[in-house]
Amino acid sequence: MDSATSDRRTERTPLGRSAENGLKIVITGGFGVGKTTLVRAVSDIRPLNTEEIMTSAGEGIDDISAVRDKTSTTVAFDFGRISLNERTVLYLFGAPGQERFWFLWERLFIGTLGAVVLVDTRRLADSWYAIDRLEQHGTPFIVARNHFGGPAHTLEQVREALDLPDHVPVVDCDARSRRSCKAVLLTLVQYLYALAARETTP
């Protein structure tokens, strides 16, 4: 059994009646970095996705040089849900990666409490737009380095390359693994709570 299915539960958990804190989270990043895979891996429900087969219409528009094996792409957004505990539920929205669909990001960011920027270290420059938009919206985010088996870069090298402040968490992620994705989301929630506590401290 590979890592894509080894820790995925065979039954999805229904939303508990005790859930009272619903947090909207956006998973963003460049084209083909694993956003749809992450939402699928971690969602408690069958995720909604808007993937379509890639056709010749995208030739010359979408840069697939780094993801030549990719055959489908998100054209609107992915949606999933995960219960972190009895009270806290995350509603996950996976943003489309291609530049021609970036206009959808503005609406996805409305009401978002935090975001995960998923990055591929082989093409870190693809992450700049996501980080820039989040910073302009004032949306807290963390960065998750997805595993693609490419050149190794330390988390500190990723931080330096993306010019991230010290307080922004940078973590490892295997978007195929529910356990790994849940750990990323927990890191984001802890970061959001820390920021909230800092703002309320006299």
Foldseek 3Di string as FASTA:
>chain_A
DDQLPPAADPAADDQAPQADAEAEEEEEFAAPLQLQLLQCQAFSDRKDFQKDFDDCVCVPQFDCVVPVVDGIFGQAWMWGKHALDNHYIYIYIYGTHGPVRCVNVVVSCVRHQAYEYEDEVVCLVRRQVVVVVCVVVVHAYAYEYEDDPDDDDDQVRSCVVNVHDPLHHYYYAHSSHNVRSSVRVVVGVVSSVVVVVVVPDD
